[in-house]
């Protein structure tokens, strides 16, 4: 494993060249991944994990059935050869049933005039008489082709995060099959996509579901088909953009609502409403209220991401061995103020009670519902993030500051190093919640 370790400025990286025999499957010349440590022993352990993940990625890439690939190549060659002779490739049954006498004669004359080797004559005969069967890739086979081609998206994610990425895509494909049947993907048309939309509309009405669920399915299926069409080298290439054009349903009106700041201060912070929750859950709520960070970003903080030893205490939300970022712009530093600073001072090494952000959200949201603290069905723990953004807007903070603190993509062009902690601190001090008294067992 030492062969795959390299150092730069004291930090270790996993570095490995892509073997030549894998170049048809992985176009990169080499792979370089930060191991986020200066400790060689830790780096070796993390490199072993990365190496296992990458080798599995390569194994999966070459796992697409060879027979399927060979059939694709034969069919593609037949299509190209027919074009060379001035014809559209047509299946032998289609030629027999629908081609006119003139076309049949022209095809036979073109075949008779080919002065080539026996192998080339065989290829021309197959192309002009339509004897090569179109490759069959059923929808039920699509995920096995799609998943290996997306492995680079998941290289730095944990096993839990990989499952969370896979499951909604598997479910979307399952719904697609339920709606259309297990079709050959080359036969999918715009009519099928509209039928899937209709299938979802019926479910939304009958089961009182949200349109967001349907729209996520559409996005996942579009991505799956796009990747599979390219990976399988299907000819002619199907225009996925046209298939899914204007398919999105109108977003539901009952999206998550924000809490009013006064309610958060008086009920969730000052009162005893949260006393039935464990201390880490209460700390998570306080941190979310005054940082606007996502639940996964808070539960994923490592001790080195929490800095209380600086002039401006802050948390650094970044990818680490415990969690990965939702987006690249999610990497950010947030000054600690108000109840967020209060909570972090009691948990300076982070929150370790929950194995995942989902388990934390599930327990806290269950508590909020049971104690009628959500106000409406549209409220949840995540509403605190909306509240944070509303409070910044209320004091007319610049949109660029808001985007930076929220971890959103900035709407304007990006120049320079971004906003420093001091600038962000000035705005956060204007909205910070008042610290409660004696809310944790350890009194500072």
Protein backbone atom coordinates (compact mmCIF):
# COMPACT_ATOMS: atom_id res chain seq x y z
CA UNK A 1 0.00 0.00 0.00
CA UNK A 2 2.97 2.34 0.49
CA UNK A 3 3.26 2.40 -3.31
CA UNK A 4 -0.07 4.23 -3.42
CA UNK A 5 0.82 6.90 -0.85
CA UNK A 6 2.28 10.27 -1.68
CA UNK A 7 2.84 13.42 0.35
CA UNK A 8 2.32 17.08 -0.39
CA UNK A 9 2.87 19.84 2.17
CA UNK A 10 2.84 17.19 4.87
CA UNK A 11 -0.56 15.78 3.90
CA UNK A 12 -0.93 12.26 2.54
CA UNK A 13 -2.72 11.38 -0.70
CA UNK A 14 -3.77 8.12 -2.30
CA UNK A 15 -2.16 8.06 -5.75
CA UNK A 16 -2.42 5.30 -8.32
CA UNK A 17 -2.05 5.12 -12.06
CA UNK A 18 -4.87 3.50 -14.01
CA UNK A 19 -3.58 0.19 -15.46
CA UNK A 20 -3.28 0.19 -19.25
CA UNK A 21 -5.63 -2.79 -19.66
CA UNK A 22 -8.37 -0.76 -17.96
CA UNK A 23 -7.98 2.34 -20.15
CA UNK A 24 -10.98 1.34 -22.33
CA UNK A 25 -13.12 1.49 -19.18
CA UNK A 26 -11.52 4.32 -17.15
CA UNK A 27 -10.21 7.25 -19.19
CA UNK A 28 -8.23 8.83 -16.33
CA UNK A 29 -4.43 8.52 -16.40
CA UNK A 30 -4.16 8.44 -12.63
CA UNK A 31 -6.27 8.78 -9.47
CA UNK A 32 -5.39 11.17 -6.66
CA UNK A 33 -7.50 11.44 -3.50
CA UNK A 34 -6.71 13.44 -0.37
CA UNK A 35 -6.56 11.24 2.74
CA UNK A 36 -6.95 14.33 4.97
CA UNK A 37 -4.22 13.42 7.43
CA UNK A 38 -0.52 13.96 8.14
CA UNK A 39 -0.27 10.72 10.12
CA UNK A 40 1.20 7.92 8.02
CA UNK A 41 -0.49 5.09 9.93
CA UNK A 42 -3.90 6.70 9.53
CA UNK A 43 -3.11 7.43 5.89
CA UNK A 44 -2.29 3.77 5.23
CA UNK A 45 -5.60 2.63 6.74
CA UNK A 46 -7.57 5.14 4.69
CA UNK A 47 -5.61 4.28 1.55
CA UNK A 48 -6.51 0.60 1.96
CA UNK A 49 -10.19 1.55 2.05
CA UNK A 50 -9.82 3.81 -1.02
CA UNK A 51 -7.91 1.12 -2.90
CA UNK A 52 -10.58 -1.52 -2.17
CA UNK A 53 -13.27 0.91 -3.37
CA UNK A 54 -11.41 1.73 -6.59
CA UNK A 55 -10.63 -1.88 -7.42
CA UNK A 56 -14.29 -2.77 -6.92
CA UNK A 57 -15.12 0.14 -9.23
CA UNK A 58 -12.83 -1.32 -11.90
CA UNK A 59 -14.25 -4.84 -11.45
CA UNK A 60 -17.75 -3.47 -11.85
CA UNK A 61 -16.79 -1.52 -14.97
CA UNK A 62 -15.68 -4.64 -16.80
CA UNK A 63 -18.60 -6.68 -15.49
CA UNK A 64 -21.00 -5.64 -18.28
CA UNK A 65 -21.79 -8.98 -19.99
CA UNK A 66 -19.41 -9.66 -22.85
CA UNK A 67 -22.13 -11.26 -24.94
CA UNK A 68 -24.16 -8.04 -24.69
CA UNK A 69 -21.13 -5.99 -25.74
CA UNK A 70 -20.40 -8.30 -28.67
CA UNK A 71 -24.00 -8.12 -29.84
CA UNK A 72 -23.89 -4.33 -29.66
CA UNK A 73 -20.73 -4.29 -31.77
CA UNK A 74 -22.21 -6.60 -34.41
CA UNK A 75 -25.39 -4.54 -34.61
CA UNK A 76 -23.47 -1.24 -34.79
CA UNK A 77 -21.26 -2.65 -37.57
CA UNK A 78 -24.34 -3.77 -39.51
CA UNK A 79 -25.93 -0.32 -39.21
CA UNK A 80 -22.74 1.39 -40.40
CA UNK A 81 -22.25 -1.02 -43.29
CA UNK A 82 -25.82 -0.54 -44.49
CA UNK A 83 -25.25 3.22 -44.48
CA UNK A 84 -22.06 2.85 -46.51
CA UNK A 85 -24.13 1.13 -49.20
CA UNK A 86 -26.76 3.86 -49.05
CA UNK A 87 -29.42 2.01 -47.07
CA UNK A 88 -31.03 2.25 -43.64
CA UNK A 89 -30.50 -0.92 -41.65
CA UNK A 90 -33.77 -2.85 -41.44
CA UNK A 91 -34.57 -6.13 -39.73
CA UNK A 92 -35.09 -9.04 -42.14
CA UNK A 93 -38.76 -9.30 -41.12
CA UNK A 94 -39.26 -5.59 -41.75
CA UNK A 95 -37.63 -5.92 -45.17
CA UNK A 96 -39.80 -8.91 -46.09
CA UNK A 97 -43.04 -7.29 -44.94
CA UNK A 98 -42.57 -3.65 -45.87
CA UNK A 99 -39.77 -3.14 -48.41
CA UNK A 100 -40.87 -2.64 -52.00
CA UNK A 101 -39.59 -4.76 -54.86
CA UNK A 102 -37.32 -1.94 -56.00
CA UNK A 103 -35.56 -1.73 -52.64
CA UNK A 104 -35.15 -5.53 -52.48
CA UNK A 105 -33.52 -5.53 -55.93
CA UNK A 106 -31.26 -2.60 -55.02
CA UNK A 107 -30.10 -4.37 -51.86
CA UNK A 108 -29.32 -7.59 -53.72
CA UNK A 109 -27.45 -5.71 -56.47
CA UNK A 110 -25.39 -3.85 -53.86
CA UNK A 111 -24.54 -7.15 -52.23
CA UNK A 112 -23.64 -8.76 -55.58
CA UNK A 113 -21.29 -5.87 -56.42
CA UNK A 114 -19.23 -6.10 -53.26
CA UNK A 115 -15.77 -7.28 -54.29
CA UNK A 116 -14.34 -8.02 -50.86
CA UNK A 117 -12.99 -10.78 -48.67
CA UNK A 118 -15.32 -13.53 -47.47
CA UNK A 119 -15.48 -11.92 -44.01
CA UNK A 120 -16.37 -8.52 -45.46
CA UNK A 121 -18.99 -10.14 -47.71
CA UNK A 122 -20.52 -11.77 -44.65
CA UNK A 123 -20.72 -8.41 -42.87
CA UNK A 124 -22.30 -6.80 -45.95
CA UNK A 125 -24.79 -9.66 -46.30
CA UNK A 126 -25.84 -9.31 -42.67
CA UNK A 127 -26.17 -5.54 -43.05
CA UNK A 128 -28.16 -5.54 -46.31
CA UNK A 129 -30.45 -8.46 -45.49
CA UNK A 130 -31.06 -7.45 -41.85
CA UNK A 131 -30.02 -10.69 -40.17
CA UNK A 132 -28.31 -9.16 -37.11
CA UNK A 133 -30.72 -9.01 -34.19
CA UNK A 134 -31.00 -5.67 -32.43
CA UNK A 135 -29.35 -5.86 -28.98
CA UNK A 136 -31.71 -6.32 -26.06
CA UNK A 137 -31.10 -4.46 -22.80
CA UNK A 138 -34.07 -4.75 -20.50
CA UNK A 139 -34.92 -2.11 -17.91
CA UNK A 140 -34.32 -4.74 -15.23
CA UNK A 141 -30.69 -4.94 -16.43
CA UNK A 142 -30.15 -1.19 -16.59
CA UNK A 143 -29.01 -0.62 -13.00
CA UNK A 144 -26.25 -3.24 -13.32
CA UNK A 145 -24.85 -1.24 -16.25
CA UNK A 146 -25.55 2.18 -14.72
CA UNK A 147 -24.11 1.67 -11.22
CA UNK A 148 -20.49 0.86 -12.22
CA UNK A 149 -20.41 3.89 -14.51
CA UNK A 150 -21.29 6.13 -11.55
CA UNK A 151 -18.69 4.75 -9.17
CA UNK A 152 -16.53 7.87 -9.50
CA UNK A 153 -19.37 9.90 -7.95
CA UNK A 154 -19.18 7.78 -4.80
CA UNK A 155 -15.46 7.33 -4.21
CA UNK A 156 -15.34 9.41 -1.02
CA UNK A 157 -18.73 8.43 0.38
CA UNK A 158 -19.30 6.06 3.28
CA UNK A 159 -21.07 2.72 2.89
CA UNK A 160 -24.23 4.26 4.38
CA UNK A 161 -24.09 7.23 2.00
CA UNK A 162 -23.63 4.90 -0.97
CA UNK A 163 -26.75 2.96 0.02
CA UNK A 164 -28.64 6.22 0.45
CA UNK A 165 -27.55 7.23 -3.08
CA UNK A 166 -28.45 3.86 -4.62
CA UNK A 167 -31.85 3.20 -3.01
CA UNK A 168 -33.89 6.06 -4.57
CA UNK A 169 -32.47 5.23 -8.00
CA UNK A 170 -33.34 1.54 -7.63
CA UNK A 171 -36.84 2.55 -6.50
CA UNK A 172 -37.27 4.93 -9.45
CA UNK A 173 -36.31 2.14 -11.87
CA UNK A 174 -38.70 -0.25 -10.09
CA UNK A 175 -41.51 2.30 -10.49
CA UNK A 176 -40.62 2.79 -14.15
CA UNK A 177 -40.88 -0.97 -14.75
CA UNK A 178 -44.17 -1.16 -12.86
CA UNK A 179 -45.56 1.57 -15.09
CA UNK A 180 -44.26 0.34 -18.46
CA UNK A 181 -43.23 -3.28 -18.03
CA UNK A 182 -39.71 -4.64 -18.44
CA UNK A 183 -39.08 -3.08 -21.85
CA UNK A 184 -36.00 -3.10 -24.04
CA UNK A 185 -34.47 0.33 -23.44
CA UNK A 186 -33.95 0.87 -27.19
CA UNK A 187 -37.73 0.76 -27.60
CA UNK A 188 -38.48 3.51 -25.07
CA UNK A 189 -40.22 6.46 -26.67
CA UNK A 190 -41.62 9.83 -25.66
CA UNK A 191 -45.00 8.11 -25.35
CA UNK A 192 -43.57 5.85 -22.63
CA UNK A 193 -42.25 8.81 -20.64
CA UNK A 194 -45.65 10.49 -20.83
CA UNK A 195 -47.24 7.23 -19.67
CA UNK A 196 -44.89 7.23 -16.68
CA UNK A 197 -45.92 10.79 -15.91
CA UNK A 198 -49.59 9.72 -16.06
CA UNK A 199 -48.82 6.75 -13.77
CA UNK A 200 -47.39 9.17 -11.23
CA UNK A 201 -50.30 11.60 -11.52
CA UNK A 202 -52.72 8.81 -10.66
CA UNK A 203 -50.63 7.84 -7.62
CA UNK A 204 -50.41 11.44 -6.45
CA UNK A 205 -54.21 11.75 -6.52
CA UNK A 206 -55.05 8.34 -5.07
CA UNK A 207 -52.34 8.18 -2.39
CA UNK A 208 -52.06 11.93 -1.67
CA UNK A 209 -48.35 11.94 -2.52
CA UNK A 210 -46.14 14.93 -3.31
CA UNK A 211 -45.14 15.90 -6.83
CA UNK A 212 -41.56 16.17 -5.57
CA UNK A 213 -41.43 12.37 -5.38
CA UNK A 214 -42.44 12.08 -9.03
CA UNK A 215 -39.95 14.72 -10.16
CA UNK A 216 -37.11 12.92 -8.36
CA UNK A 217 -38.10 9.72 -10.16
CA UNK A 218 -38.00 11.53 -13.50
CA UNK A 219 -34.51 12.90 -12.78
CA UNK A 220 -33.17 9.50 -11.73
CA UNK A 221 -34.63 7.65 -14.74
CA UNK A 222 -33.31 10.31 -17.12
CA UNK A 223 -29.83 9.94 -15.62
CA UNK A 224 -29.96 6.13 -15.73
CA UNK A 225 -31.05 5.99 -19.36
CA UNK A 226 -28.52 8.61 -20.41
CA UNK A 227 -25.64 6.68 -18.84
CA UNK A 228 -26.81 3.26 -20.09
CA UNK A 229 -27.31 4.46 -23.69
CA UNK A 230 -23.74 5.79 -23.79
CA UNK A 231 -22.19 2.87 -21.87
CA UNK A 232 -23.86 0.30 -24.13
CA UNK A 233 -22.80 2.18 -27.27
CA UNK A 234 -26.31 2.01 -28.68
CA UNK A 235 -26.66 3.19 -32.27
CA UNK A 236 -28.41 5.40 -33.11
CA UNK A 237 -27.95 7.31 -29.87
CA UNK A 238 -31.29 8.16 -28.27
CA UNK A 239 -31.90 11.82 -27.37
CA UNK A 240 -32.73 11.61 -23.66
CA UNK A 241 -33.24 15.37 -23.36
CA UNK A 242 -36.07 15.22 -25.88
CA UNK A 243 -37.62 12.18 -24.19
CA UNK A 244 -37.88 14.04 -20.86
CA UNK A 245 -38.59 17.53 -22.17
CA UNK A 246 -41.21 19.41 -20.07
CA UNK A 247 -42.02 16.29 -18.05
CA UNK A 248 -41.55 17.91 -14.62
CA UNK A 249 -44.68 18.35 -12.50
CA UNK A 250 -45.57 21.57 -10.72
CA UNK A 251 -43.90 21.62 -7.28
CA UNK A 252 -46.17 21.04 -4.29
CA UNK A 253 -47.24 24.12 -2.37
CA UNK A 254 -46.77 22.51 1.04
CA UNK A 255 -42.97 22.57 1.07
CA UNK A 256 -41.15 22.88 4.37
CA UNK A 257 -42.04 26.03 6.27
CA UNK A 258 -39.73 28.09 8.44
CA UNK A 259 -40.33 28.77 12.13
CA UNK A 260 -40.67 32.36 13.26
CA UNK A 261 -37.57 33.51 15.16
CA UNK A 262 -39.66 34.46 18.22
CA UNK A 263 -41.08 30.93 18.37
CA UNK A 264 -37.62 29.37 18.22
CA UNK A 265 -36.35 31.63 21.01
CA UNK A 266 -39.35 31.37 23.33
CA UNK A 267 -40.40 27.74 22.78
CA UNK A 268 -37.48 25.71 21.47
CA UNK A 269 -34.75 27.51 23.44
CA UNK A 270 -36.09 29.27 26.54
CA UNK A 271 -38.86 26.87 27.62
CA UNK A 272 -38.65 23.27 28.81
CA UNK A 273 -40.24 21.95 25.60
CA UNK A 274 -37.11 20.00 24.57
CA UNK A 275 -36.28 18.58 28.01
CA UNK A 276 -37.48 15.13 26.93
CA UNK A 277 -34.78 14.96 24.26
CA UNK A 278 -31.27 13.73 24.98
CA UNK A 279 -28.60 16.41 25.26
CA UNK A 280 -26.97 15.72 21.87
CA UNK A 281 -30.32 16.17 20.11
CA UNK A 282 -30.86 19.49 21.88
CA UNK A 283 -27.32 20.55 21.01
CA UNK A 284 -27.99 19.68 17.36
CA UNK A 285 -31.10 21.89 17.37
CA UNK A 286 -29.16 24.79 18.91
CA UNK A 287 -26.30 24.41 16.41
CA UNK A 288 -28.71 24.26 13.50
CA UNK A 289 -30.60 27.33 14.72
CA UNK A 290 -27.57 29.64 14.71
CA UNK A 291 -25.50 28.15 11.86
CA UNK A 292 -28.16 27.06 9.35
CA UNK A 293 -26.10 23.92 8.71
CA UNK A 294 -27.72 20.73 7.46
CA UNK A 295 -28.27 17.87 9.93
CA UNK A 296 -25.71 15.68 8.14
CA UNK A 297 -23.17 18.50 8.24
CA UNK A 298 -23.53 18.82 12.02
CA UNK A 299 -23.52 15.09 12.83
CA UNK A 300 -20.56 14.70 10.44
CA UNK A 301 -18.29 17.17 12.25
CA UNK A 302 -14.99 15.70 13.43
CA UNK A 303 -13.04 17.11 16.42
CA UNK A 304 -10.57 18.81 14.05
CA UNK A 305 -13.49 20.55 12.29
CA UNK A 306 -14.50 22.35 15.50
CA UNK A 307 -12.27 25.28 16.41
CA UNK A 308 -12.83 26.92 19.79
CA UNK A 309 -9.17 27.93 20.20
CA UNK A 310 -9.23 30.84 17.74
CA UNK A 311 -10.17 34.51 18.07
CA UNK A 312 -13.36 33.69 16.18
CA UNK A 313 -14.66 30.21 17.11
CA UNK A 314 -15.99 28.38 14.05
CA UNK A 315 -16.89 25.04 12.53
CA UNK A 316 -15.43 23.88 9.24
CA UNK A 317 -17.93 21.90 7.19
CA UNK A 318 -15.97 19.72 4.80
CA UNK A 319 -15.67 16.17 3.52
CA UNK A 320 -14.08 13.77 5.99
CA UNK A 321 -13.99 10.06 6.78
CA UNK A 322 -17.28 10.37 8.68
CA UNK A 323 -19.31 12.09 5.96
CA UNK A 324 -19.07 13.69 2.54
CA UNK A 325 -20.44 16.98 1.23
CA UNK A 326 -23.76 17.31 -0.56
CA UNK A 327 -22.21 19.76 -3.06
CA UNK A 328 -18.76 21.26 -3.64
CA UNK A 329 -19.91 24.69 -2.43
CA UNK A 330 -21.02 23.13 0.86
CA UNK A 331 -17.38 23.32 2.03
CA UNK A 332 -17.39 26.39 4.24
CA UNK A 333 -16.47 27.89 7.62
CA UNK A 334 -19.25 29.20 9.85
CA UNK A 335 -18.52 31.41 12.89
CA UNK A 336 -20.11 30.21 16.12
CA UNK A 337 -22.46 32.61 17.87
CA UNK A 338 -25.37 32.47 20.31
CA UNK A 339 -26.84 29.05 21.05
CA UNK A 340 -24.61 27.34 18.44
CA UNK A 341 -21.50 28.43 20.35
CA UNK A 342 -23.17 27.44 23.62
CA UNK A 343 -23.90 23.92 22.29
CA UNK A 344 -20.45 23.40 20.77
CA UNK A 345 -18.76 24.44 24.02
CA UNK A 346 -20.55 21.53 25.68
CA UNK A 347 -19.70 19.13 22.84
CA UNK A 348 -16.28 20.33 21.62
CA UNK A 349 -15.51 16.99 19.92
CA UNK A 350 -18.75 16.80 18.01
CA UNK A 351 -21.89 14.69 18.27
CA UNK A 352 -21.37 10.93 18.33
CA UNK A 353 -24.70 9.53 19.49
CA UNK A 354 -26.19 8.93 16.05
CA UNK A 355 -24.83 6.62 13.39
CA UNK A 356 -26.33 8.76 10.63
CA UNK A 357 -28.07 12.06 10.02
CA UNK A 358 -31.27 10.18 9.16
CA UNK A 359 -31.45 8.52 12.57
CA UNK A 360 -30.98 11.91 14.28
CA UNK A 361 -33.65 13.56 12.11
CA UNK A 362 -36.08 10.68 12.61
CA UNK A 363 -35.85 10.77 16.41
CA UNK A 364 -35.99 14.56 16.70
CA UNK A 365 -38.87 14.94 14.22
CA UNK A 366 -40.80 12.20 16.03
CA UNK A 367 -40.36 14.11 19.27
CA UNK A 368 -41.43 17.41 17.70
CA UNK A 369 -44.58 15.81 16.25
CA UNK A 370 -45.47 13.96 19.46
CA UNK A 371 -45.17 17.16 21.52
CA UNK A 372 -46.93 19.27 18.89
CA UNK A 373 -43.91 21.53 18.41
CA UNK A 374 -43.99 21.47 14.60
CA UNK A 375 -46.92 23.93 14.35
CA UNK A 376 -48.02 22.46 10.97
CA UNK A 377 -47.40 19.31 8.91
CA UNK A 378 -45.09 21.39 6.71
CA UNK A 379 -42.75 22.08 9.65
CA UNK A 380 -39.87 19.81 10.66
CA UNK A 381 -36.37 19.94 12.10
CA UNK A 382 -35.14 21.11 8.69
CA UNK A 383 -37.37 24.20 9.06
CA UNK A 384 -34.65 25.66 11.29
CA UNK A 385 -32.44 25.96 8.21
CA UNK A 386 -35.18 27.95 6.46
CA UNK A 387 -35.57 30.10 9.58
CA UNK A 388 -31.85 30.86 9.52
CA UNK A 389 -32.06 32.03 5.91
CA UNK A 390 -35.18 34.12 6.58
CA UNK A 391 -33.47 35.87 9.50
CA UNK A 392 -30.51 36.82 7.30
CA UNK A 393 -32.86 38.16 4.66
CA UNK A 394 -34.78 40.15 7.29
CA UNK A 395 -31.63 42.09 8.20
CA UNK A 396 -30.87 42.55 4.48
CA UNK A 397 -27.65 40.55 4.49
CA UNK A 398 -26.05 40.40 1.01
CA UNK A 399 -27.15 37.40 -1.06
CA UNK A 400 -23.51 36.35 -1.46
CA UNK A 401 -23.13 36.19 2.35
CA UNK A 402 -26.34 34.18 2.64
CA UNK A 403 -25.26 31.74 -0.08
CA UNK A 404 -21.85 31.32 1.56
CA UNK A 405 -23.30 30.60 5.00
CA UNK A 406 -25.97 28.25 3.61
CA UNK A 407 -23.53 26.36 1.41
CA UNK A 408 -25.40 27.32 -1.75
CA UNK A 409 -23.95 28.11 -5.15
CA UNK A 410 -23.40 31.85 -5.45
CA UNK A 411 -25.54 33.51 -8.09
CA UNK A 412 -22.80 35.86 -9.26
CA UNK A 413 -19.32 35.17 -10.66
CA UNK A 414 -16.82 33.91 -8.12
CA UNK A 415 -13.75 36.06 -7.58
CA UNK A 416 -11.09 36.08 -4.88
CA UNK A 417 -10.98 34.00 -1.70
CA UNK A 418 -14.57 34.62 -0.57
CA UNK A 419 -15.82 36.14 2.67
CA UNK A 420 -13.58 36.00 5.74
CA UNK A 421 -14.83 34.82 9.12
CA UNK A 422 -14.90 38.36 10.51
CA UNK A 423 -17.35 39.55 7.85
CA UNK A 424 -19.65 36.57 8.37
CA UNK A 425 -19.43 37.04 12.15
CA UNK A 426 -20.70 40.63 11.88
CA UNK A 427 -23.90 39.45 10.19
CA UNK A 428 -24.43 36.44 12.45
CA UNK A 429 -24.07 38.56 15.60
CA UNK A 430 -27.10 40.55 14.41
CA UNK A 431 -29.39 37.50 14.39
CA UNK A 432 -27.98 35.20 17.10
CA UNK A 433 -30.39 33.72 19.61
CA UNK A 434 -30.06 34.46 23.33
CA UNK A 435 -28.28 31.73 25.25
CA UNK A 436 -30.50 29.82 27.72
CA UNK A 437 -29.50 28.95 31.28
CA UNK A 438 -28.42 25.52 32.45
CA UNK A 439 -29.75 23.47 29.54
CA UNK A 440 -27.04 20.83 29.77
CA UNK A 441 -25.76 18.70 32.65
CA UNK A 442 -22.32 20.29 32.39
CA UNK A 443 -22.50 23.96 33.37
CA UNK A 444 -19.70 26.07 31.94
